[in-house]
Amino acid sequence: MKIAVVGGGPGALYFAISAKLRDAGHEITILERDQPGATYGWGVVYWDDLLDTLYVNDSESARKLRAASVLWQQQEVRLRRERTAYYPGYGYSVGRAAMLDILARRASDLGVDIRYRHEVDDLSAFADADVVVGADGASSRVRQLHGGFGTTTTSGANPYIWLGTDKVFDSFVFAFQETPAGLVWCHAYPSSSGISTFIVECQQRTWDGLGFGTMSSEDGVRTLEKIFADVLGGGSLISESRGRPARWLHFAEVRNAHWYQDNVVLLGDAAHTTHFTIGSGTRLAIIDAIDLAQALYEHPESVPLALREYEKQRRRPMNRSQAAARSSMAWYEHADRYTDRDGVAFAAAMAARQGPLPPWRHQVHNAEQLAPVRTVHRWYETGRRFYLARKRGEPLRSPAPRSAPEPPAAEVPDQHARTTTPWRAQSAEPERLVGASARRDGRAGK
């Protein structure tokens, strides 16, 4: 089968890997408009469930991704200068550039033809392709050129900016700071190589009141450093990406009535976006990639049938994910409504943004604020993490991956269980929500 993939992000690369592993005879070409190593975004967050899927689908790249990742433990919620509140849980972060490097090398080793600096302006160039995959992001050029997908885009109310920092965090930190114009908050977590991701968000009236619209990029970053001085602890914020500063944005939720038209199919952010506060964009793109590759493998005689099965497989879990992301986004758009309470109660309200917590969950949340309870919980999670790693076959010591470029600062965010066969992604598992009630295993995550 001849397959053209437009876009060179994690979803595109992982689809090519997955398709080649199922049928090495596929002729797959990836067309990426940027140069190798160029990327938006700092760190990609994921959890054990994705690692399980990656190890089943391709242990070679999974092992290298895990080796390039850093572990963060616990989540902290800081409201003004009040007592820090805590959520249990742990997760992994990997630099986006390192992830792309690992996946690109793996795809190339499998015989995928990756062509960089290749802008796509006309789909007629793919007239001889059996399948054209649009994996080129929320502003998908493939989607615009082909049409017929029934695309709707809805903008969020809050402005946000995706930055990096040389302050290295070892936990996931949410810090809400009061300013004369209103509340400003950050989502901060480690990425890799001594760098952390630092996303700043606020309400539109706060953004206007602080004058970010009239400031230069440099002045805006310096202002944020002052607002978050205690969080950064002397560290600085990093904005530059490819010689250009990061920009304030409004999140765009992309939905499509159809994920395929003729032999053109959408994957990842081109098909759907989820708000960054649930941290699932890359995970969902990778699951899309696995399921699309599996559908083509199971129905090689009929591309339309394969694409229909792919959309059927992914549509329902994505509807749930996008609904959860909208609820999460809406809570942050009205976060100031909850600041009349102490930090622990505020954190409980944030955890309940997907729906009311049962009384016992409030008791668990309150107990988690005690240091001895947190210590015991971390011992348990360490043992669980070790067990899961051994179960999926991780080596005791993962070899270091080949060198990867440092992640640049972001201008655009990463717009990022059921098993049917050993290759099928566990796509029906509920999303990991930051501060959520961690319904299945007691964890919460971004």
Protein backbone atom coordinates (compact mmCIF):
# COMPACT_ATOMS: atom_id res chain seq x y z
CA MET A 1 0.00 0.00 0.00
CA LYS A 2 1.27 3.47 -0.86
CA ILE A 3 0.68 5.92 1.98
CA ALA A 4 1.46 9.64 2.14
CA VAL A 5 1.53 11.29 5.58
CA VAL A 6 1.41 15.07 5.85
CA GLY A 7 2.96 16.33 9.08
CA GLY A 8 5.92 15.09 11.09
CA GLY A 9 4.68 15.18 14.67
CA PRO A 10 4.49 12.26 17.13
CA GLY A 11 1.18 11.00 15.71
CA ALA A 12 2.46 10.99 12.12
CA LEU A 13 5.72 9.27 13.01
CA TYR A 14 4.07 6.71 15.25
CA PHE A 15 1.49 5.86 12.59
CA ALA A 16 4.30 5.20 10.10
CA ILE A 17 6.11 3.01 12.64
CA SER A 18 2.94 1.08 13.50
CA ALA A 19 1.97 0.55 9.85
CA LYS A 20 5.44 -0.65 8.89
CA LEU A 21 5.55 -3.09 11.81
CA ARG A 22 2.30 -4.63 10.60
CA ASP A 23 3.30 -4.75 6.93
CA ALA A 24 6.86 -3.90 5.92
CA GLY A 25 5.70 -3.77 2.31
CA HIS A 26 3.91 -0.46 2.82
CA GLU A 27 5.52 2.41 0.95
CA ILE A 28 5.21 5.28 3.42
CA THR A 29 6.36 8.86 2.86
CA ILE A 30 6.16 11.55 5.55
CA LEU A 31 6.17 15.17 4.38
CA GLU A 32 7.11 17.70 7.07
CA ARG A 33 7.31 21.42 6.31
CA ASP A 34 9.94 22.19 8.98
CA GLN A 35 13.54 21.14 9.31
CA PRO A 36 14.62 18.15 11.44
CA GLY A 37 14.46 18.90 15.16
CA ALA A 38 12.20 21.93 14.76
CA THR A 39 9.21 21.70 17.05
CA TYR A 40 6.78 23.64 19.14
CA GLY A 41 6.32 22.54 22.71
CA TRP A 42 8.52 21.75 25.68
CA GLY A 43 7.54 18.57 27.46
CA VAL A 44 5.07 15.78 26.73
CA VAL A 45 3.40 14.26 29.81
CA TYR A 46 2.27 10.64 29.94
CA TRP A 47 1.51 7.81 32.35
CA ASP A 48 1.98 4.09 32.77
CA ASP A 49 -1.08 3.30 30.64
CA LEU A 50 0.56 4.83 27.57
CA LEU A 51 3.86 3.08 28.35
CA ASP A 52 1.99 -0.22 28.48
CA THR A 53 0.54 0.47 25.02
CA LEU A 54 3.88 1.59 23.58
CA TYR A 55 5.71 -1.51 24.85
CA VAL A 56 3.07 -3.81 23.33
CA ASN A 57 3.08 -1.98 20.00
CA ASP A 58 6.82 -1.35 19.61
CA SER A 59 9.11 -2.12 22.52
CA GLU A 60 12.14 -0.73 20.64
CA SER A 61 10.95 2.87 20.55
CA ALA A 62 9.15 2.52 23.91
CA ARG A 63 12.39 1.60 25.65
CA LYS A 64 14.17 4.63 24.22
CA LEU A 65 11.31 7.00 25.05
CA ARG A 66 11.26 5.78 28.63
CA ALA A 67 15.04 6.19 28.90
CA ALA A 68 14.76 9.79 27.66
CA SER A 69 11.98 10.63 30.13
CA VAL A 70 12.03 12.08 33.62
CA LEU A 71 9.80 11.00 36.49
CA TRP A 72 7.73 13.51 38.44
CA GLN A 73 6.00 12.61 41.67
CA GLN A 74 3.09 14.28 43.40
CA GLN A 75 1.10 17.32 42.36
CA GLU A 76 1.07 20.58 44.28
CA VAL A 77 -1.60 23.26 44.27
CA ARG A 78 -0.49 26.64 45.58
CA LEU A 79 -3.10 29.32 46.10
CA ARG A 80 -1.49 32.68 46.76
CA ARG A 81 0.93 32.14 49.65
CA GLU A 82 -1.31 29.81 51.60
CA ARG A 83 -0.44 26.28 52.66
CA THR A 84 0.32 24.06 49.67
CA ALA A 85 -2.26 21.38 48.93
CA TYR A 86 -1.26 18.03 47.49
CA TYR A 87 -2.61 15.40 45.13
CA PRO A 88 -1.06 11.93 44.96
CA GLY A 89 0.20 10.43 41.72
CA TYR A 90 3.19 10.34 39.45
CA GLY A 91 3.88 10.55 35.75
CA TYR A 92 6.60 10.89 33.14
CA SER A 93 7.72 13.76 30.94
CA VAL A 94 9.86 13.68 27.83
CA GLY A 95 11.13 16.62 25.82
CA ARG A 96 9.11 16.95 22.64
CA ALA A 97 12.22 17.34 20.51
CA ALA A 98 13.75 14.21 22.05
CA MET A 99 10.53 12.29 21.39
CA LEU A 100 10.47 13.38 17.74
CA ASP A 101 14.12 12.42 17.30
CA ILE A 102 13.56 8.93 18.73
CA LEU A 103 10.45 8.30 16.64
CA ALA A 104 12.00 9.70 13.45
CA ARG A 105 15.05 7.46 13.82
CA ARG A 106 12.86 4.43 14.44
CA ALA A 107 10.65 5.22 11.43
CA SER A 108 13.70 5.68 9.20
CA ASP A 109 15.19 2.38 10.41
CA LEU A 110 11.96 0.67 9.35
CA GLY A 111 12.18 2.15 5.84
CA VAL A 112 9.91 5.18 6.11
CA ASP A 113 10.89 8.03 3.79
CA ILE A 114 10.84 11.27 5.83
CA ARG A 115 11.14 14.44 3.75
CA TYR A 116 11.70 17.65 5.68
CA ARG A 117 11.21 21.24 4.47
CA HIS A 118 8.40 20.02 2.24
CA GLU A 119 5.34 22.29 2.15
CA VAL A 120 2.11 20.73 0.89
CA ASP A 121 -0.07 23.11 -1.14
CA ASP A 122 -1.88 20.70 -3.44
CA LEU A 123 -3.19 17.20 -2.70
CA SER A 124 -3.12 16.33 -6.39
CA ALA A 125 0.51 15.38 -5.86
CA PHE A 126 -0.80 12.32 -4.00
CA ALA A 127 -3.07 11.09 -6.77
CA ASP A 128 -1.28 7.73 -6.84
CA ALA A 129 -1.44 7.22 -3.05
CA ASP A 130 -3.80 4.62 -1.64
CA VAL A 131 -4.16 6.61 1.58
CA VAL A 132 -3.37 10.23 2.48
CA VAL A 133 -3.04 10.86 6.22
CA GLY A 134 -3.52 14.41 7.47
CA ALA A 135 -1.50 14.56 10.69
CA ASP A 136 -0.56 18.21 10.38
CA GLY A 137 -2.09 19.71 13.50
CA ALA A 138 -5.06 21.78 14.57
CA SER A 139 -4.70 24.13 11.58
CA SER A 140 -4.40 21.17 9.20
CA ARG A 141 -3.55 22.15 5.64
CA VAL A 142 -4.82 18.76 4.43
CA ARG A 143 -8.19 19.45 6.02
CA GLN A 144 -8.36 22.87 4.37
CA LEU A 145 -7.31 21.63 0.94
CA HIS A 146 -9.59 18.59 0.77
CA GLY A 147 -12.67 19.86 2.62
CA GLY A 148 -15.80 17.91 3.40
CA PHE A 149 -14.87 17.02 6.97
CA GLY A 150 -17.47 19.28 8.57
CA THR A 151 -14.94 21.11 10.70
CA THR A 152 -15.99 23.35 13.57
CA THR A 153 -13.58 25.35 15.72
CA THR A 154 -14.45 26.89 19.08
CA SER A 155 -12.12 29.27 20.92
CA GLY A 156 -11.60 29.21 24.67
CA ALA A 157 -12.04 32.40 26.70
CA ASN A 158 -8.71 32.42 28.54
CA PRO A 159 -5.44 33.61 26.98
CA TYR A 160 -2.43 31.42 27.73
CA ILE A 161 1.23 31.24 26.79
CA TRP A 162 3.49 28.17 26.58
CA LEU A 163 6.95 28.87 28.02
CA GLY A 164 9.94 27.04 29.38
CA THR A 165 12.05 27.67 32.46
CA ASP A 166 15.47 26.73 33.75
CA LYS A 167 13.87 26.02 37.12
CA VAL A 168 13.75 22.22 37.40
CA PHE A 169 10.61 20.93 39.08
CA ASP A 170 10.37 17.41 40.49
CA SER A 171 6.59 17.52 40.89
CA PHE A 172 3.66 18.89 38.93
CA VAL A 173 2.94 22.39 40.25
CA PHE A 174 -0.17 24.54 39.86
CA ALA A 175 0.41 28.01 41.31
CA PHE A 176 -2.34 30.64 41.44
CA GLN A 177 -1.08 34.17 42.08
CA GLU A 178 -3.14 37.25 42.90
CA THR A 179 -2.35 40.45 40.97
CA PRO A 180 -4.04 43.89 41.06
CA ALA A 181 -5.88 42.85 37.87
CA GLY A 182 -6.92 39.38 39.03
CA LEU A 183 -5.72 35.79 39.23
CA VAL A 184 -2.82 34.46 37.09
CA TRP A 185 -1.76 30.83 37.29
CA CYS A 186 0.80 28.41 35.91
CA HIS A 187 0.99 24.70 35.11
CA ALA A 188 4.65 23.69 35.62
CA TYR A 189 6.33 20.32 35.27
CA PRO A 190 9.76 18.90 34.39
CA SER A 191 10.56 18.20 30.74
CA SER A 192 14.14 16.95 30.41
CA SER A 193 17.75 18.09 30.32
CA GLY A 194 17.37 20.64 33.12
CA ILE A 195 14.36 22.33 31.55
CA SER A 196 10.74 22.51 32.72
CA THR A 197 7.53 23.42 30.96
CA PHE A 198 5.77 26.52 32.30
CA ILE A 199 2.28 27.31 30.93
CA VAL A 200 0.70 30.56 32.12
CA GLU A 201 -3.04 31.19 31.92
CA CYS A 202 -5.45 33.89 33.12
CA GLN A 203 -8.84 35.36 32.37
CA GLN A 204 -9.15 37.86 29.52
CA ARG A 205 -9.95 40.79 31.82
CA THR A 206 -6.84 40.03 33.88
CA TRP A 207 -4.72 39.87 30.74
CA ASP A 208 -6.13 43.23 29.62
CA GLY A 209 -5.71 44.77 33.07
CA LEU A 210 -2.05 43.76 33.29
CA GLY A 211 -1.38 45.29 29.89
CA PHE A 212 0.04 42.23 28.16
CA GLY A 213 -1.58 43.35 24.92
CA THR A 214 0.60 46.46 24.77
CA MET A 215 3.83 44.98 26.14
CA SER A 216 6.71 43.70 24.09
CA SER A 217 7.32 39.97 24.36
CA GLU A 218 10.40 40.56 26.51
CA ASP A 219 8.55 42.87 28.89
CA GLY A 220 5.70 40.39 29.13
CA VAL A 221 8.05 37.57 30.12
CA ARG A 222 9.79 39.79 32.70
CA THR A 223 6.39 40.69 34.15
CA LEU A 224 5.52 37.00 34.47
CA GLU A 225 8.85 36.33 36.18
CA LYS A 226 7.92 38.91 38.81
CA ILE A 227 4.44 37.48 39.29
CA PHE A 228 5.82 33.96 39.74
CA ALA A 229 9.08 34.89 41.47
CA ASP A 230 8.41 32.64 44.47
CA VAL A 231 7.44 29.70 42.22
CA LEU A 232 10.52 30.09 40.02
CA GLY A 233 12.84 30.46 43.03
CA GLY A 234 15.36 32.55 41.14
CA GLY A 235 14.88 30.74 37.84
CA SER A 236 14.05 32.51 34.59
CA LEU A 237 11.43 31.98 31.92
CA ILE A 238 12.40 31.10 28.36
CA SER A 239 10.32 32.30 25.42
CA GLU A 240 12.42 32.19 22.26
CA SER A 241 11.67 29.51 19.69
CA ARG A 242 13.47 29.46 16.33
CA GLY A 243 14.36 33.09 16.91
CA ARG A 244 10.77 34.09 17.60
CA PRO A 245 9.09 34.69 20.98
CA ALA A 246 6.21 32.59 22.25
CA ARG A 247 2.79 34.17 21.74
CA TRP A 248 -0.31 34.45 23.87
CA LEU A 249 -3.06 32.28 22.39
CA HIS A 250 -6.63 31.19 22.91
CA PHE A 251 -7.17 27.44 22.84
CA ALA A 252 -8.99 26.22 19.72
CA GLU A 253 -11.13 23.13 20.09
CA VAL A 254 -11.31 21.37 16.72
CA ARG A 255 -14.11 18.92 15.96
CA ASN A 256 -14.93 17.20 12.68
CA ALA A 257 -18.21 15.64 11.63
CA HIS A 258 -16.18 13.21 9.49
CA TRP A 259 -12.63 12.02 10.00
CA TYR A 260 -12.16 10.78 6.44
CA GLN A 261 -13.27 11.71 2.94
CA ASP A 262 -12.45 9.45 0.01
CA ASN A 263 -8.96 8.14 0.79
CA VAL A 264 -7.94 11.14 2.94
CA VAL A 265 -8.04 10.58 6.71
CA LEU A 266 -7.31 12.83 9.70
CA LEU A 267 -5.27 11.89 12.73
CA GLY A 268 -4.45 13.63 16.04
CA ASP A 269 -5.04 17.36 16.35
CA ALA A 270 -6.13 17.56 12.71
CA ALA A 271 -9.15 15.42 13.69
CA HIS A 272 -9.69 16.63 17.26
CA THR A 273 -8.09 18.78 19.95
CA THR A 274 -8.40 18.58 23.74
CA HIS A 275 -7.61 21.39 26.15
CA PHE A 276 -4.09 21.32 27.55
CA THR A 277 -5.38 21.07 31.15
CA ILE A 278 -6.04 17.34 30.61
CA GLY A 279 -2.64 16.86 28.95
CA SER A 280 -3.67 14.19 26.46
CA GLY A 281 -2.99 15.59 22.99
CA THR A 282 0.06 13.47 22.18
CA ARG A 283 -1.36 10.38 23.87
CA LEU A 284 -4.55 10.59 21.83
CA ALA A 285 -2.62 11.12 18.59
CA ILE A 286 -0.53 8.02 19.29
CA ILE A 287 -3.62 5.93 19.98
CA ASP A 288 -5.14 7.26 16.74
CA ALA A 289 -1.95 6.20 14.97
CA ILE A 290 -2.06 2.65 16.32
CA ASP A 291 -5.75 2.18 15.56
CA LEU A 292 -5.44 3.55 12.02
CA ALA A 293 -2.48 1.26 11.31
CA GLN A 294 -4.42 -1.70 12.72
CA ALA A 295 -7.53 -0.90 10.66
CA LEU A 296 -5.48 -0.79 7.46
CA TYR A 297 -3.83 -4.08 8.44
CA GLU A 298 -7.16 -5.79 9.12
CA HIS A 299 -8.86 -4.49 5.94
CA PRO A 300 -6.15 -4.30 3.25
CA GLU A 301 -8.68 -5.11 0.53
CA SER A 302 -10.83 -2.05 1.24
CA VAL A 303 -9.44 1.33 2.24
CA PRO A 304 -12.93 2.84 2.76
CA LEU A 305 -13.82 0.02 5.15
CA ALA A 306 -10.53 0.45 7.02
CA LEU A 307 -11.05 4.19 7.42
CA ARG A 308 -14.63 3.67 8.54
CA GLU A 309 -13.53 1.14 11.17
CA TYR A 310 -10.79 3.52 12.37
CA GLU A 311 -13.27 6.35 12.88
CA LYS A 312 -15.77 4.02 14.55
CA GLN A 313 -13.05 2.77 16.88
CA ARG A 314 -11.89 6.21 17.94
CA ARG A 315 -15.02 8.39 17.74
CA ARG A 316 -16.73 7.42 21.00
CA PRO A 317 -13.68 7.70 23.32
CA MET A 318 -12.79 11.00 21.66
CA ASN A 319 -16.26 12.39 22.27
CA ARG A 320 -15.78 11.59 25.97
CA SER A 321 -12.31 13.09 25.99
CA GLN A 322 -13.43 16.32 24.38
CA ALA A 323 -16.39 16.62 26.76
CA ALA A 324 -14.03 16.16 29.71
CA ALA A 325 -11.63 18.73 28.26
CA ARG A 326 -14.42 21.27 27.78
CA SER A 327 -15.44 20.87 31.42
CA SER A 328 -11.84 21.29 32.51
CA MET A 329 -11.39 24.38 30.36
CA ALA A 330 -14.62 25.90 31.68
CA TRP A 331 -13.52 25.45 35.29
CA TYR A 332 -10.32 27.38 34.67
CA GLU A 333 -12.26 30.10 32.87
CA HIS A 334 -14.09 30.70 36.16
CA ALA A 335 -11.33 29.78 38.62
CA ASP A 336 -11.76 33.08 40.48
CA ARG A 337 -15.11 31.83 41.81
CA TYR A 338 -13.29 29.39 44.09
CA THR A 339 -10.65 31.65 45.65
CA ASP A 340 -12.77 32.50 48.69
CA ARG A 341 -11.62 29.29 50.40
CA ASP A 342 -8.33 27.98 51.75
CA GLY A 343 -5.79 26.18 49.59
CA VAL A 344 -6.91 22.65 50.50
CA ALA A 345 -10.56 23.39 49.76
CA PHE A 346 -9.57 25.18 46.55
CA ALA A 347 -7.62 22.09 45.44
CA ALA A 348 -10.67 19.93 46.21
CA ALA A 349 -12.80 22.17 44.00
CA MET A 350 -10.25 21.81 41.21
CA ALA A 351 -10.32 18.03 41.61
CA ALA A 352 -14.12 18.07 41.32
CA ARG A 353 -14.31 19.94 38.05
CA GLN A 354 -15.42 16.77 36.25
CA GLY A 355 -18.28 16.30 38.72
CA PRO A 356 -18.90 16.20 42.48
CA LEU A 357 -16.55 14.12 44.59
CA PRO A 358 -18.10 11.50 46.90
CA PRO A 359 -17.67 12.18 50.63
CA TRP A 360 -15.01 9.51 51.02
CA ARG A 361 -12.92 11.20 48.32
CA HIS A 362 -12.94 14.42 50.35
CA GLN A 363 -11.69 12.45 53.34
CA VAL A 364 -8.88 10.94 51.27
CA HIS A 365 -7.98 14.39 49.94
CA ASN A 366 -7.78 15.80 53.45
CA ALA A 367 -5.68 12.86 54.66
CA GLU A 368 -3.27 13.38 51.76
CA GLN A 369 -2.32 16.76 53.22
CA LEU A 370 -0.58 14.98 56.12
CA ALA A 371 3.12 14.35 55.47
CA PRO A 372 3.17 10.78 56.91
CA VAL A 373 0.24 9.82 54.66
CA ARG A 374 2.01 11.23 51.61
CA THR A 375 5.16 9.33 52.51
CA VAL A 376 3.31 6.01 52.75
CA HIS A 377 1.50 6.75 49.50
CA ARG A 378 4.81 7.39 47.70
CA TRP A 379 6.21 4.09 48.99
CA TYR A 380 3.16 2.35 47.58
CA GLU A 381 3.49 4.14 44.23
CA THR A 382 7.20 3.29 44.03
CA GLY A 383 6.38 -0.38 44.45
CA ARG A 384 3.54 -0.18 41.95
CA ARG A 385 5.74 1.60 39.43
CA PHE A 386 8.42 -1.08 39.79
CA TYR A 387 5.83 -3.84 39.35
CA LEU A 388 4.34 -2.27 36.21
CA ALA A 389 7.80 -1.70 34.73
CA ARG A 390 8.76 -5.34 35.23
CA LYS A 391 5.40 -6.51 33.90
CA ARG A 392 5.82 -4.71 30.59
CA GLY A 393 9.45 -5.82 30.29
CA GLU A 394 11.39 -2.66 31.01
CA PRO A 395 15.09 -3.38 31.63
CA LEU A 396 16.38 -2.68 35.11
CA ARG A 397 18.56 0.01 33.61
CA SER A 398 17.40 1.60 30.38
CA PRO A 399 20.27 2.49 28.04
CA ALA A 400 20.56 6.17 27.21
CA PRO A 401 19.09 7.07 23.82
CA ARG A 402 21.11 8.63 21.08
CA SER A 403 21.50 12.35 21.49
CA ALA A 404 18.48 14.49 20.71
CA PRO A 405 18.18 18.25 20.26
CA GLU A 406 17.13 20.37 23.22
CA PRO A 407 13.44 21.30 23.15
CA PRO A 408 12.77 24.87 22.01
CA ALA A 409 10.19 27.16 23.56
CA ALA A 410 6.65 26.84 22.35
CA GLU A 411 4.44 29.03 20.25
CA VAL A 412 1.67 26.49 19.83
CA PRO A 413 0.71 23.85 22.42
CA ASP A 414 0.82 20.26 21.91
CA GLN A 415 -2.82 19.96 20.82
CA HIS A 416 -2.28 17.20 22.55
CA ALA A 417 -9.29 -0.26 28.48
CA ARG A 418 -10.04 -2.29 25.77
CA THR A 419 -7.77 -4.69 23.97
CA THR A 420 -8.99 -6.38 20.81
CA THR A 421 -5.68 -7.76 19.55
CA PRO A 422 -2.13 -7.56 20.93
CA TRP A 423 -1.63 -4.56 18.63
CA ARG A 424 -4.80 -2.64 19.41
CA ALA A 425 -4.44 0.49 21.52
CA GLN A 426 -6.29 0.59 24.83
CA SER A 427 -8.30 3.53 23.58
CA ALA A 428 -11.35 3.34 25.78
CA GLU A 429 -9.59 4.05 29.07
CA PRO A 430 -10.72 7.30 30.76
CA GLU A 431 -8.38 10.25 30.45
CA ARG A 432 -5.99 11.22 33.21
CA LEU A 433 -7.27 14.57 34.42
CA VAL A 434 -5.20 16.99 36.47
CA GLY A 435 -6.61 17.08 39.93
CA ALA A 436 -9.41 14.70 39.02
CA SER A 437 -10.72 12.06 41.35
CA ALA A 438 -8.55 9.35 39.73
CA ARG A 439 -11.44 6.94 39.48
CA ARG A 440 -9.58 3.79 38.56
CA ASP A 441 -6.36 3.68 40.54
CA GLY A 442 -6.30 6.58 42.96
CA ARG A 443 -4.05 8.78 40.86
CA ALA A 444 -4.62 12.16 39.36
CA GLY A 445 -2.67 13.63 36.49
CA LYS A 446 -2.42 16.22 33.77
